[in-house]
Protein backbone atom coordinates (compact mmCIF):
# COMPACT_ATOMS: atom_id res chain seq x y z
CA MET A 1 -86.80 7.33 -0.46
CA LEU A 2 -83.54 6.19 0.83
CA ASN A 3 -83.32 4.97 4.27
CA ILE A 4 -80.55 5.86 6.69
CA GLN A 5 -78.77 2.54 6.29
CA THR A 6 -78.46 2.92 2.56
CA THR A 7 -77.17 6.46 2.97
CA LEU A 8 -74.59 5.34 5.54
CA ILE A 9 -73.47 2.46 3.34
CA ALA A 10 -73.18 4.80 0.36
CA ALA A 11 -71.23 7.31 2.50
CA ALA A 12 -68.95 4.50 3.77
CA ILE A 13 -68.31 3.31 0.22
CA ALA A 14 -67.65 6.90 -0.92
CA ALA A 15 -65.25 7.43 2.00
CA THR A 16 -63.48 4.14 1.26
CA VAL A 17 -63.13 4.97 -2.43
CA SER A 18 -61.92 8.48 -1.56
CA GLY A 19 -59.50 7.12 1.00
CA PHE A 20 -58.20 4.60 -1.50
CA GLY A 21 -57.85 7.36 -4.11
CA VAL A 22 -55.94 9.61 -1.69
CA TRP A 23 -53.76 6.68 -0.65
CA ARG A 24 -52.95 5.89 -4.32
CA TYR A 25 -52.23 9.56 -5.01
CA GLN A 26 -49.84 9.77 -2.03
CA SER A 27 -48.24 6.48 -3.05
CA HIS A 28 -47.53 7.78 -6.56
CA LYS A 29 -46.31 11.08 -5.17
CA TYR A 30 -43.83 9.40 -2.78
CA GLU A 31 -42.70 6.92 -5.44
CA ALA A 32 -41.95 9.87 -7.72
CA GLN A 33 -39.95 11.54 -4.94
CA ILE A 34 -38.04 8.32 -4.27
CA ALA A 35 -37.32 7.94 -7.98
CA THR A 36 -36.02 11.53 -8.11
CA ILE A 37 -33.80 10.93 -5.09
CA ARG A 38 -32.45 7.70 -6.62
CA GLN A 39 -31.78 9.48 -9.90
CA GLU A 40 -29.90 12.28 -8.09
CA GLN A 41 -27.93 9.69 -6.13
CA ALA A 42 -27.04 7.85 -9.35
CA GLN A 43 -25.92 11.11 -10.95
CA ASP A 44 -23.83 11.98 -7.89
CA MET A 45 -22.27 8.50 -7.94
CA ALA A 46 -21.50 8.83 -11.65
CA ALA A 47 -19.91 12.24 -11.10
CA ALA A 48 -17.88 10.93 -8.14
CA SER A 49 -16.75 7.94 -10.19
CA ALA A 50 -15.74 10.19 -13.08
CA LYS A 51 -13.78 12.45 -10.71
CA ALA A 52 -12.11 9.45 -9.07
CA LEU A 53 -11.15 8.10 -12.49
CA ALA A 54 -9.76 11.49 -13.54
CA ASP A 55 -7.80 11.77 -10.28
CA PHE A 56 -6.51 8.22 -10.67
CA THR A 57 -5.49 8.88 -14.28
CA ALA A 58 -3.65 12.06 -13.28
CA MET A 59 -1.83 10.30 -10.43
CA GLN A 60 -1.02 7.34 -12.69
CA LYS A 61 0.51 9.74 -15.25
CA VAL A 62 2.61 11.41 -12.54
CA LYS A 63 3.77 7.99 -11.35
CA ASP A 64 4.53 6.78 -14.88
CA ASP A 65 6.47 9.97 -15.65
CA ALA A 66 8.44 9.60 -12.41
CA ILE A 67 9.28 5.98 -13.25
CA LEU A 68 10.36 6.99 -16.76
CA GLN A 69 12.59 9.73 -15.36
CA ALA A 70 14.06 7.31 -12.79
CA GLU A 71 14.81 4.80 -15.55
CA ARG A 72 16.52 7.53 -17.60
CA ARG A 73 18.57 8.61 -14.59
CA ALA A 74 19.51 4.99 -13.90
CA GLN A 75 20.64 4.59 -17.51
CA ILE A 76 22.70 7.80 -17.34
CA ASN A 77 24.17 6.69 -14.01
CA ALA A 78 25.06 3.28 -15.46
CA GLN A 79 26.81 4.96 -18.38
CA ALA A 80 28.68 7.26 -15.99
CA ALA A 81 29.66 4.26 -13.85
CA THR A 82 30.99 2.50 -16.94
CA ARG A 83 33.02 5.58 -17.90
CA ALA A 84 34.33 5.83 -14.32
CA THR A 85 35.33 2.15 -14.38
CA VAL A 86 37.18 2.61 -17.69
CA SER A 87 38.89 5.72 -16.32
CA ALA A 88 39.86 3.92 -13.09
CA ASP A 89 41.24 0.99 -15.08
CA ARG A 90 43.26 3.40 -17.23
CA LEU A 91 44.57 5.14 -14.09
CA ARG A 92 45.54 1.77 -12.58
CA ALA A 93 47.46 0.93 -15.73
CA ASP A 94 49.15 4.36 -15.70
CA LEU A 95 50.12 3.88 -12.03
CA ALA A 96 51.54 0.45 -12.78
CA LYS A 97 53.67 1.97 -15.58
CA ALA A 98 54.70 4.81 -13.26
CA ASN A 99 55.82 2.32 -10.61
CA ALA A 100 58.00 0.61 -13.20
CA ARG A 101 59.50 3.98 -14.26
CA ILE A 102 60.13 5.05 -10.65
CA GLN A 103 62.51 2.13 -10.13
CA SER A 104 64.85 3.50 -12.78
CA ALA A 105 64.21 7.24 -12.14
CA THR A 106 66.58 9.71 -10.49
CA ARG A 107 66.10 10.83 -6.92
CA GLU A 108 64.95 14.29 -8.08
CA ALA A 109 62.34 12.78 -10.44
CA VAL A 110 61.02 10.55 -7.64
CA ASN A 111 60.74 13.55 -5.30
CA GLN A 112 58.88 15.52 -7.97
CA TYR A 113 56.62 12.53 -8.64
CA ALA A 114 55.85 12.19 -4.92
CA ALA A 115 55.02 15.90 -4.64
CA THR A 116 52.76 15.72 -7.70
CA VAL A 117 51.01 12.59 -6.39
CA THR A 118 50.46 14.32 -3.03
CA ASP A 119 48.91 17.33 -4.77
CA VAL A 120 46.70 15.13 -6.96
CA PHE A 121 45.53 13.05 -4.00
CA GLY A 122 44.83 16.27 -2.06
CA GLU A 123 42.65 17.48 -4.93
CA CYS A 124 40.90 14.09 -5.01
CA VAL A 125 40.17 14.30 -1.28
CA ALA A 126 38.74 17.82 -1.74
CA GLU A 127 36.55 16.59 -4.62
CA TYR A 128 35.37 13.60 -2.57
CA ARG A 129 34.45 15.93 0.30
CA THR A 130 32.51 18.19 -2.07
CA LEU A 131 30.78 15.16 -3.56
CA ALA A 132 29.92 13.86 -0.07
CA GLU A 133 28.46 17.24 0.93
CA LYS A 134 26.33 17.35 -2.24
CA SER A 135 25.27 13.76 -1.66
CA ASP A 136 24.24 14.51 1.93
CA GLN A 137 22.34 17.57 0.72
CA HIS A 138 20.58 15.48 -1.92
CA VAL A 139 19.63 12.81 0.63
CA ASN A 140 18.25 15.52 2.89
CA ASP A 141 16.21 16.99 0.00
CA VAL A 142 14.79 13.57 -0.86
CA LYS A 143 13.92 12.94 2.80
CA LEU A 144 12.20 16.33 2.94
CA MET A 145 10.13 15.53 -0.16
CA LEU A 146 9.15 12.12 1.21
CA ASP A 147 8.21 13.58 4.59
CA ALA A 148 6.18 16.35 2.93
CA TRP A 149 4.35 13.98 0.56
CA PRO A 150 0.68 13.41 1.45
CA LYS A 151 0.14 10.39 3.65
CA PRO A 152 -2.36 7.64 2.63
CA HIS A 153 -4.99 8.95 5.06
CA THR A 154 -5.06 12.40 3.44
CA SER A 155 -6.08 13.41 -0.03
CA VAL A 156 -4.64 16.50 -1.66
CA LEU A 157 -6.99 16.10 -4.60
CA THR A 158 -10.20 16.15 -2.59
CA GLY A 159 -9.01 18.43 0.19
CA SER A 160 -10.21 15.99 2.86
CA LYS A 161 -8.21 14.89 5.88
């Protein structure tokens, strides 16, 4: 028959083996949970990266379109400036010819010329005032848009502040 020592040793070995088995089971269980958490984290990171890339691409397109429009406006403005320069040069030449004609003109023609020049300059002043008002209004609109644009510490795309 078995003595008490042998039974206790067998029970101790059985308990040790059982304990080791439970420990291994728990180890595998927690490793599986950790692996699941890491997989979810990797998926979340991939989704966040994809969203960030999509947001970046959208913002890049908006920026590129804005630059393209600005370049087009600059080209149109340069063409308009060239036309204005040509027109101003032509007006200077016409005024130089008019000055030469005034020297030989009658008093009545000079008076009529002076009245016409006064009217034309009055119209020019009115146009310059209108242009200045529109320019001031445009500057104010641009300032409003810049002030209303999201600041670097906020993100319209994510809704965070």
